[in-house]
Amino acid sequence: MKKNWIKNIFRGLSLTSVMFIFQACYGTPQDYGNDFIIEGQVKSKATGLPIKGIKVSVAHDIQYVHTNEEGKFSFYMELRPDVKVLFEDVDGEKNGEFANADTVIKEIEEKVFLDIKLENI
């Protein structure tokens, strides 16, 4: 019984060592050229001031971010044609109420910058 226990530990350590050596020789898989960055700033159309707390997401995707104090956002996503980006005011009256908006990015490069102005409700 004790020898089986020792053999199992030795097998586990051997497998872990082989995996470590494989990763050291060949590295981890990389994602070359299959993504791009979306950056931007969301402002009030009426005042021109940045809006904090706007949810920025891509249609049919679970990834989203919220704008920071300067109304800025950024995230990486998979390269694909016609990306629809949604802007939603999810914090209610906290930073003012704004109408939801969306935009479609047709010409995608490595980096896309969006300057969004939302209407006050």
C-alpha atoms as a PDB file:
ATOM      1  CA  MET A   1       0.000   0.000   0.000  1.00  0.00           C
ATOM      2  CA  LYS A   2       2.787   2.413   0.922  1.00  0.00           C
ATOM      3  CA  LYS A   3       4.697   1.665  -2.315  1.00  0.00           C
ATOM      4  CA  ASN A   4       1.624   2.508  -4.457  1.00  0.00           C
ATOM      5  CA  TRP A   5       1.311   5.849  -2.684  1.00  0.00           C
ATOM      6  CA  ILE A   6       4.974   6.653  -3.349  1.00  0.00           C
ATOM      7  CA  LYS A   7       4.642   5.562  -7.005  1.00  0.00           C
ATOM      8  CA  ASN A   8       1.625   7.844  -7.479  1.00  0.00           C
ATOM      9  CA  ILE A   9       3.496  10.824  -6.048  1.00  0.00           C
ATOM     10  CA  PHE A  10       6.492  10.081  -8.282  1.00  0.00           C
ATOM     11  CA  ARG A  11       4.230   9.810 -11.366  1.00  0.00           C
ATOM     12  CA  GLY A  12       2.560  13.135 -10.568  1.00  0.00           C
ATOM     13  CA  LEU A  13       5.907  14.879 -10.108  1.00  0.00           C
ATOM     14  CA  SER A  14       7.224  13.353 -13.338  1.00  0.00           C
ATOM     15  CA  LEU A  15       4.224  14.543 -15.332  1.00  0.00           C
ATOM     16  CA  THR A  16       4.513  18.037 -13.845  1.00  0.00           C
ATOM     17  CA  SER A  17       8.232  18.136 -14.687  1.00  0.00           C
ATOM     18  CA  VAL A  18       7.611  17.087 -18.287  1.00  0.00           C
ATOM     19  CA  MET A  19       4.953  19.776 -18.689  1.00  0.00           C
ATOM     20  CA  PHE A  20       7.266  22.421 -17.216  1.00  0.00           C
ATOM     21  CA  ILE A  21      10.111  21.433 -19.563  1.00  0.00           C
ATOM     22  CA  PHE A  22       7.736  21.483 -22.569  1.00  0.00           C
ATOM     23  CA  GLN A  23       6.572  25.003 -21.689  1.00  0.00           C
ATOM     24  CA  ALA A  24      10.174  26.174 -21.132  1.00  0.00           C
ATOM     25  CA  CYS A  25      11.201  24.872 -24.573  1.00  0.00           C
ATOM     26  CA  TYR A  26       8.162  25.861 -26.632  1.00  0.00           C
ATOM     27  CA  GLY A  27       6.577  28.657 -24.606  1.00  0.00           C
ATOM     28  CA  THR A  28       2.916  29.338 -24.114  1.00  0.00           C
ATOM     29  CA  PRO A  29       0.511  29.791 -27.029  1.00  0.00           C
ATOM     30  CA  GLN A  30       0.416  33.372 -28.306  1.00  0.00           C
ATOM     31  CA  ASP A  31      -2.366  35.279 -30.000  1.00  0.00           C
ATOM     32  CA  TYR A  32      -0.651  37.066 -32.882  1.00  0.00           C
ATOM     33  CA  GLY A  33      -2.695  39.561 -34.835  1.00  0.00           C
ATOM     34  CA  ASN A  34      -6.129  38.231 -33.963  1.00  0.00           C
ATOM     35  CA  ASP A  35      -7.219  41.102 -31.766  1.00  0.00           C
ATOM     36  CA  PHE A  36      -7.372  44.885 -31.610  1.00  0.00           C
ATOM     37  CA  ILE A  37      -7.866  47.552 -28.974  1.00  0.00           C
ATOM     38  CA  ILE A  38     -10.898  49.789 -28.680  1.00  0.00           C
ATOM     39  CA  GLU A  39     -10.259  53.015 -26.781  1.00  0.00           C
ATOM     40  CA  GLY A  40     -12.364  56.087 -26.386  1.00  0.00           C
ATOM     41  CA  GLN A  41     -13.992  58.727 -24.290  1.00  0.00           C
ATOM     42  CA  VAL A  42     -17.661  59.310 -23.492  1.00  0.00           C
ATOM     43  CA  LYS A  43     -18.856  62.894 -22.949  1.00  0.00           C
ATOM     44  CA  SER A  44     -22.123  64.697 -22.447  1.00  0.00           C
ATOM     45  CA  LYS A  45     -23.388  66.200 -25.702  1.00  0.00           C
ATOM     46  CA  ALA A  46     -24.859  69.180 -23.825  1.00  0.00           C
ATOM     47  CA  THR A  47     -21.883  70.115 -21.625  1.00  0.00           C
ATOM     48  CA  GLY A  48     -18.916  68.388 -23.242  1.00  0.00           C
ATOM     49  CA  LEU A  49     -17.886  67.014 -19.833  1.00  0.00           C
ATOM     50  CA  PRO A  50     -16.731  63.387 -19.436  1.00  0.00           C
ATOM     51  CA  ILE A  51     -19.237  60.873 -18.064  1.00  0.00           C
ATOM     52  CA  LYS A  52     -18.184  58.319 -15.460  1.00  0.00           C
ATOM     53  CA  GLY A  53     -19.887  54.934 -15.088  1.00  0.00           C
ATOM     54  CA  ILE A  54     -21.121  54.329 -18.637  1.00  0.00           C
ATOM     55  CA  LYS A  55     -21.149  50.615 -19.513  1.00  0.00           C
ATOM     56  CA  VAL A  56     -19.302  50.017 -22.796  1.00  0.00           C
ATOM     57  CA  SER A  57     -19.845  46.604 -24.358  1.00  0.00           C
ATOM     58  CA  VAL A  58     -19.810  44.777 -27.660  1.00  0.00           C
ATOM     59  CA  ALA A  59     -23.067  43.343 -28.987  1.00  0.00           C
ATOM     60  CA  HIS A  60     -23.274  39.539 -28.680  1.00  0.00           C
ATOM     61  CA  ASP A  61     -20.243  39.440 -26.337  1.00  0.00           C
ATOM     62  CA  ILE A  62     -19.974  39.139 -22.558  1.00  0.00           C
ATOM     63  CA  GLN A  63     -17.035  41.539 -22.283  1.00  0.00           C
ATOM     64  CA  TYR A  64     -17.710  45.050 -20.984  1.00  0.00           C
ATOM     65  CA  VAL A  65     -16.009  47.907 -19.134  1.00  0.00           C
ATOM     66  CA  HIS A  66     -17.187  51.067 -17.369  1.00  0.00           C
ATOM     67  CA  THR A  67     -15.861  54.523 -18.136  1.00  0.00           C
ATOM     68  CA  ASN A  68     -13.501  56.006 -15.537  1.00  0.00           C
ATOM     69  CA  GLU A  69     -13.475  59.496 -13.961  1.00  0.00           C
ATOM     70  CA  GLU A  70     -12.345  61.059 -17.275  1.00  0.00           C
ATOM     71  CA  GLY A  71     -15.003  59.150 -19.230  1.00  0.00           C
ATOM     72  CA  LYS A  72     -12.305  56.983 -20.827  1.00  0.00           C
ATOM     73  CA  PHE A  73     -12.427  53.270 -21.579  1.00  0.00           C
ATOM     74  CA  SER A  74     -10.339  50.640 -23.359  1.00  0.00           C
ATOM     75  CA  PHE A  75     -10.411  46.911 -23.974  1.00  0.00           C
ATOM     76  CA  TYR A  76      -9.037  44.308 -26.346  1.00  0.00           C
ATOM     77  CA  MET A  77     -11.266  42.136 -28.446  1.00  0.00           C
ATOM     78  CA  GLU A  78     -11.095  39.557 -31.194  1.00  0.00           C
ATOM     79  CA  LEU A  79     -10.712  40.919 -34.707  1.00  0.00           C
ATOM     80  CA  ARG A  80     -13.950  40.513 -36.672  1.00  0.00           C
ATOM     81  CA  PRO A  81     -15.907  42.589 -39.200  1.00  0.00           C
ATOM     82  CA  ASP A  82     -18.588  45.121 -38.244  1.00  0.00           C
ATOM     83  CA  VAL A  83     -18.190  45.410 -34.473  1.00  0.00           C
ATOM     84  CA  LYS A  84     -21.211  47.008 -32.773  1.00  0.00           C
ATOM     85  CA  VAL A  85     -20.262  48.859 -29.570  1.00  0.00           C
ATOM     86  CA  LEU A  86     -23.013  49.707 -27.065  1.00  0.00           C
ATOM     87  CA  PHE A  87     -23.035  52.547 -24.523  1.00  0.00           C
ATOM     88  CA  GLU A  88     -25.467  52.231 -21.604  1.00  0.00           C
ATOM     89  CA  ASP A  89     -26.083  54.484 -18.612  1.00  0.00           C
ATOM     90  CA  VAL A  90     -26.351  51.861 -15.865  1.00  0.00           C
ATOM     91  CA  ASP A  91     -25.885  54.025 -12.776  1.00  0.00           C
ATOM     92  CA  GLY A  92     -29.131  55.975 -13.163  1.00  0.00           C
ATOM     93  CA  GLU A  93     -29.205  59.463 -11.692  1.00  0.00           C
ATOM     94  CA  LYS A  94     -25.817  59.158  -9.966  1.00  0.00           C
ATOM     95  CA  ASN A  95     -23.894  60.940 -12.757  1.00  0.00           C
ATOM     96  CA  GLY A  96     -26.904  62.300 -14.647  1.00  0.00           C
ATOM     97  CA  GLU A  97     -29.209  60.342 -16.902  1.00  0.00           C
ATOM     98  CA  PHE A  98     -28.123  59.711 -20.478  1.00  0.00           C
ATOM     99  CA  ALA A  99     -29.726  57.995 -23.447  1.00  0.00           C
ATOM    100  CA  ASN A 100     -28.218  54.705 -24.550  1.00  0.00           C
ATOM    101  CA  ALA A 101     -26.328  54.738 -27.835  1.00  0.00           C
ATOM    102  CA  ASP A 102     -24.404  52.428 -30.141  1.00  0.00           C
ATOM    103  CA  THR A 103     -21.959  52.635 -33.002  1.00  0.00           C
ATOM    104  CA  VAL A 104     -20.672  50.167 -35.575  1.00  0.00           C
ATOM    105  CA  ILE A 105     -16.960  49.988 -36.347  1.00  0.00           C
ATOM    106  CA  LYS A 106     -16.519  49.008 -39.988  1.00  0.00           C
ATOM    107  CA  GLU A 107     -12.865  49.845 -40.686  1.00  0.00           C
ATOM    108  CA  ILE A 108     -10.875  48.030 -38.032  1.00  0.00           C
ATOM    109  CA  GLU A 109      -7.194  48.615 -37.485  1.00  0.00           C
ATOM    110  CA  GLU A 110      -4.921  47.608 -34.590  1.00  0.00           C
ATOM    111  CA  LYS A 111      -6.275  50.500 -32.547  1.00  0.00           C
ATOM    112  CA  VAL A 112      -9.664  52.195 -32.776  1.00  0.00           C
ATOM    113  CA  PHE A 113     -10.504  55.418 -30.916  1.00  0.00           C
ATOM    114  CA  LEU A 114     -14.151  56.372 -30.342  1.00  0.00           C
ATOM    115  CA  ASP A 115     -15.235  59.869 -29.286  1.00  0.00           C
ATOM    116  CA  ILE A 116     -18.815  59.410 -28.072  1.00  0.00           C
ATOM    117  CA  LYS A 117     -21.246  62.123 -27.057  1.00  0.00           C
ATOM    118  CA  LEU A 118     -24.419  61.007 -25.236  1.00  0.00           C
ATOM    119  CA  GLU A 119     -27.699  62.941 -25.071  1.00  0.00           C
ATOM    120  CA  ASN A 120     -29.036  63.942 -21.648  1.00  0.00           C
ATOM    121  CA  ILE A 121     -32.505  62.595 -20.803  1.00  0.00           C
END
